[in-house]
C-alpha atoms as a PDB file:
ATOM      1  CA  MET A   1      70.408 140.767 114.427  1.00  0.00           C
ATOM      2  CA  GLU A   2      68.867 141.812 111.122  1.00  0.00           C
ATOM      3  CA  ASP A   3      65.217 142.584 110.753  1.00  0.00           C
ATOM      4  CA  ALA A   4      63.659 139.962 108.507  1.00  0.00           C
ATOM      5  CA  PRO A   5      60.967 141.195 106.127  1.00  0.00           C
ATOM      6  CA  LYS A   6      57.519 140.473 107.477  1.00  0.00           C
ATOM      7  CA  VAL A   7      55.520 137.964 105.517  1.00  0.00           C
ATOM      8  CA  ALA A   8      51.852 138.817 105.168  1.00  0.00           C
ATOM      9  CA  GLU A   9      49.623 136.075 106.494  1.00  0.00           C
ATOM     10  CA  PRO A  10      46.928 134.903 104.092  1.00  0.00           C
ATOM     11  CA  GLN A  11      43.566 136.499 104.750  1.00  0.00           C
ATOM     12  CA  PRO A  12      40.797 134.101 105.740  1.00  0.00           C
ATOM     13  CA  SER A  13      38.240 133.486 103.037  1.00  0.00           C
ATOM     14  CA  THR A  14      35.142 135.619 103.462  1.00  0.00           C
ATOM     15  CA  GLU A  15      33.018 133.462 101.178  1.00  0.00           C
ATOM     16  CA  ARG A  16      30.317 131.788 103.192  1.00  0.00           C
ATOM     17  CA  LEU A  17      28.452 128.598 102.425  1.00  0.00           C
ATOM     18  CA  ALA A  18      25.012 130.126 102.946  1.00  0.00           C
ATOM     19  CA  TYR A  19      23.347 133.495 103.431  1.00  0.00           C
ATOM     20  CA  SER A  20      20.161 134.710 105.063  1.00  0.00           C
ATOM     21  CA  VAL A  21      17.370 135.870 102.762  1.00  0.00           C
ATOM     22  CA  GLN A  22      18.243 139.514 103.508  1.00  0.00           C
ATOM     23  CA  GLU A  23      21.958 138.950 102.840  1.00  0.00           C
ATOM     24  CA  ALA A  24      21.144 137.155  99.581  1.00  0.00           C
ATOM     25  CA  ALA A  25      18.947 140.092  98.550  1.00  0.00           C
ATOM     26  CA  ASP A  26      21.759 142.533  99.349  1.00  0.00           C
ATOM     27  CA  LEU A  27      24.255 140.485  97.329  1.00  0.00           C
ATOM     28  CA  LEU A  28      21.886 140.327  94.359  1.00  0.00           C
ATOM     29  CA  GLY A  29      20.935 143.983  94.668  1.00  0.00           C
ATOM     30  CA  VAL A  30      17.230 143.270  94.983  1.00  0.00           C
ATOM     31  CA  ASN A  31      14.512 143.572  97.599  1.00  0.00           C
ATOM     32  CA  TYR A  32      14.041 140.973 100.358  1.00  0.00           C
ATOM     33  CA  PHE A  33      10.593 140.110  98.990  1.00  0.00           C
ATOM     34  CA  SER A  34      11.998 139.451  95.514  1.00  0.00           C
ATOM     35  CA  VAL A  35      14.253 136.734  96.929  1.00  0.00           C
ATOM     36  CA  TYR A  36      11.408 135.376  99.043  1.00  0.00           C
ATOM     37  CA  ARG A  37       9.192 135.140  95.928  1.00  0.00           C
ATOM     38  CA  LEU A  38      11.936 133.200  94.118  1.00  0.00           C
ATOM     39  CA  ILE A  39      11.976 130.782  97.043  1.00  0.00           C
ATOM     40  CA  GLN A  40       8.175 130.399  97.038  1.00  0.00           C
ATOM     41  CA  ARG A  41       8.129 129.739  93.283  1.00  0.00           C
ATOM     42  CA  GLY A  42      10.847 127.078  93.593  1.00  0.00           C
ATOM     43  CA  LYS A  43      13.410 129.013  91.563  1.00  0.00           C
ATOM     44  CA  LEU A  44      15.768 129.273  94.540  1.00  0.00           C
ATOM     45  CA  LYS A  45      16.364 126.317  96.853  1.00  0.00           C
ATOM     46  CA  VAL A  46      16.917 126.992 100.538  1.00  0.00           C
ATOM     47  CA  CYS A  47      17.731 125.042 103.653  1.00  0.00           C
ATOM     48  CA  ARG A  48      16.448 125.590 107.156  1.00  0.00           C
ATOM     49  CA  ALA A  49      18.741 126.375 110.053  1.00  0.00           C
ATOM     50  CA  LEU A  50      17.951 126.381 113.729  1.00  0.00           C
ATOM     51  CA  ARG A  51      14.563 127.811 114.655  1.00  0.00           C
ATOM     52  CA  GLY A  52      13.396 127.551 111.035  1.00  0.00           C
ATOM     53  CA  LYS A  53      15.557 130.362 109.673  1.00  0.00           C
ATOM     54  CA  LEU A  54      15.890 130.159 105.881  1.00  0.00           C
ATOM     55  CA  LEU A  55      19.404 130.016 104.470  1.00  0.00           C
ATOM     56  CA  VAL A  56      20.227 130.404 100.787  1.00  0.00           C
ATOM     57  CA  PRO A  57      23.234 128.276  99.788  1.00  0.00           C
ATOM     58  CA  ARG A  58      25.987 130.115  97.930  1.00  0.00           C
ATOM     59  CA  THR A  59      25.784 127.563  95.103  1.00  0.00           C
ATOM     60  CA  GLU A  60      22.117 128.444  94.537  1.00  0.00           C
ATOM     61  CA  LEU A  61      22.975 132.140  94.207  1.00  0.00           C
ATOM     62  CA  LEU A  62      25.670 131.291  91.668  1.00  0.00           C
ATOM     63  CA  LYS A  63      23.220 129.133  89.678  1.00  0.00           C
ATOM     64  CA  LEU A  64      20.732 131.976  89.656  1.00  0.00           C
ATOM     65  CA  LEU A  65      23.328 134.376  88.269  1.00  0.00           C
ATOM     66  CA  LYS A  66      24.661 131.970  85.648  1.00  0.00           C
ATOM     67  CA  PRO A  67      23.210 132.587  82.158  1.00  0.00           C
ATOM     68  CA  GLU A  68      21.366 129.617  80.664  1.00  0.00           C
END
């Protein structure tokens, strides 16, 4: 019996739909409070998860990074 070449399985996508405020700050390379200020000023929309935790949707981060 011949050894068949192994086929690499596709890696699962690591892109998430939403990030915590701290994770969003890390991705943007800014401080936690900078992201929180953007949320307070209405420049960054968030959604609330269980227990009131703020989540920043990935689409909002992309909008923020897109030049106008």
